[in-house]
Amino acid sequence: MSWLVRHGRIASLALTLPEHHKDLQDRLIIATAIIYYARLLSFDAAFPADQELNGRLINR
């Protein structure tokens, strides 16, 4: 049951991310990193614009 609750939180957060993330998959990846307090490795140019990834994003 905790799995379902956690994934519901990921989906909810993904829907509230800023509009510069137009791709739903990007939104889910970012929301998952935030919920799990994970570092995220990406070369996507839009990711650094997300304030919630400060300190979590590993990029070029």
C-alpha atoms as a PDB file:
ATOM      1  CA  MET A   1       0.000   0.000   0.000  1.00  0.00           C
ATOM      2  CA  SER A   2       2.864   2.441   0.682  1.00  0.00           C
ATOM      3  CA  TRP A   3       4.000   1.893  -2.927  1.00  0.00           C
ATOM      4  CA  LEU A   4       0.635   3.138  -4.185  1.00  0.00           C
ATOM      5  CA  VAL A   5       0.690   6.188  -1.901  1.00  0.00           C
ATOM      6  CA  ARG A   6       4.207   7.125  -2.968  1.00  0.00           C
ATOM      7  CA  HIS A   7       3.396   6.765  -6.667  1.00  0.00           C
ATOM      8  CA  GLY A   8       0.266   8.859  -6.203  1.00  0.00           C
ATOM      9  CA  ARG A   9       2.446  11.599  -4.716  1.00  0.00           C
ATOM     10  CA  ILE A  10       4.784  11.366  -7.713  1.00  0.00           C
ATOM     11  CA  ALA A  11       1.874  11.737 -10.137  1.00  0.00           C
ATOM     12  CA  SER A  12       0.435  14.682  -8.203  1.00  0.00           C
ATOM     13  CA  LEU A  13       3.787  16.461  -8.079  1.00  0.00           C
ATOM     14  CA  ALA A  14       4.384  15.819 -11.794  1.00  0.00           C
ATOM     15  CA  LEU A  15       1.163  17.648 -12.609  1.00  0.00           C
ATOM     16  CA  THR A  16       2.194  20.719 -10.604  1.00  0.00           C
ATOM     17  CA  LEU A  17       5.661  21.220 -12.117  1.00  0.00           C
ATOM     18  CA  PRO A  18       6.282  24.402 -14.138  1.00  0.00           C
ATOM     19  CA  GLU A  19       5.053  24.557 -17.711  1.00  0.00           C
ATOM     20  CA  HIS A  20       8.555  24.565 -19.255  1.00  0.00           C
ATOM     21  CA  HIS A  21       8.405  20.772 -18.805  1.00  0.00           C
ATOM     22  CA  LYS A  22       5.961  19.938 -21.570  1.00  0.00           C
ATOM     23  CA  ASP A  23       6.928  16.268 -21.797  1.00  0.00           C
ATOM     24  CA  LEU A  24       5.008  14.117 -19.298  1.00  0.00           C
ATOM     25  CA  GLN A  25       7.929  11.694 -19.016  1.00  0.00           C
ATOM     26  CA  ASP A  26      10.256  14.532 -18.000  1.00  0.00           C
ATOM     27  CA  ARG A  27       7.737  15.592 -15.370  1.00  0.00           C
ATOM     28  CA  LEU A  28       7.559  12.046 -13.973  1.00  0.00           C
ATOM     29  CA  ILE A  29      11.358  11.714 -13.911  1.00  0.00           C
ATOM     30  CA  ILE A  30      11.753  15.014 -12.045  1.00  0.00           C
ATOM     31  CA  ALA A  31       8.922  14.269  -9.615  1.00  0.00           C
ATOM     32  CA  THR A  32      10.413  10.841  -8.866  1.00  0.00           C
ATOM     33  CA  ALA A  33      13.823  12.380  -8.119  1.00  0.00           C
ATOM     34  CA  ILE A  34      12.187  14.904  -5.790  1.00  0.00           C
ATOM     35  CA  ILE A  35      10.045  12.361  -3.899  1.00  0.00           C
ATOM     36  CA  TYR A  36      12.958   9.937  -3.452  1.00  0.00           C
ATOM     37  CA  TYR A  37      15.500  12.706  -2.654  1.00  0.00           C
ATOM     38  CA  ALA A  38      17.600  11.347  -5.521  1.00  0.00           C
ATOM     39  CA  ARG A  39      20.246  13.009  -7.645  1.00  0.00           C
ATOM     40  CA  LEU A  40      19.327  13.253 -11.304  1.00  0.00           C
ATOM     41  CA  LEU A  41      21.754  12.958 -14.210  1.00  0.00           C
ATOM     42  CA  SER A  42      20.509  14.677 -17.360  1.00  0.00           C
ATOM     43  CA  PHE A  43      21.684  16.560 -20.406  1.00  0.00           C
ATOM     44  CA  ASP A  44      18.197  17.970 -21.003  1.00  0.00           C
ATOM     45  CA  ALA A  45      18.480  21.748 -21.377  1.00  0.00           C
ATOM     46  CA  ALA A  46      15.144  22.378 -19.627  1.00  0.00           C
ATOM     47  CA  PHE A  47      16.005  20.598 -16.368  1.00  0.00           C
ATOM     48  CA  PRO A  48      18.304  23.288 -14.899  1.00  0.00           C
ATOM     49  CA  ALA A  49      15.409  25.779 -15.082  1.00  0.00           C
ATOM     50  CA  ASP A  50      13.484  23.777 -12.468  1.00  0.00           C
ATOM     51  CA  GLN A  51      14.135  25.362  -9.065  1.00  0.00           C
ATOM     52  CA  GLU A  52      13.154  22.157  -7.245  1.00  0.00           C
ATOM     53  CA  LEU A  53      16.136  20.338  -8.733  1.00  0.00           C
ATOM     54  CA  ASN A  54      18.684  22.730  -7.208  1.00  0.00           C
ATOM     55  CA  GLY A  55      21.400  20.601  -5.650  1.00  0.00           C
ATOM     56  CA  ARG A  56      20.015  17.410  -7.175  1.00  0.00           C
ATOM     57  CA  LEU A  57      20.855  17.861 -10.830  1.00  0.00           C
ATOM     58  CA  ILE A  58      24.063  16.479 -12.292  1.00  0.00           C
ATOM     59  CA  ASN A  59      24.612  17.931 -15.759  1.00  0.00           C
ATOM     60  CA  ARG A  60      27.435  18.977 -18.055  1.00  0.00           C
END
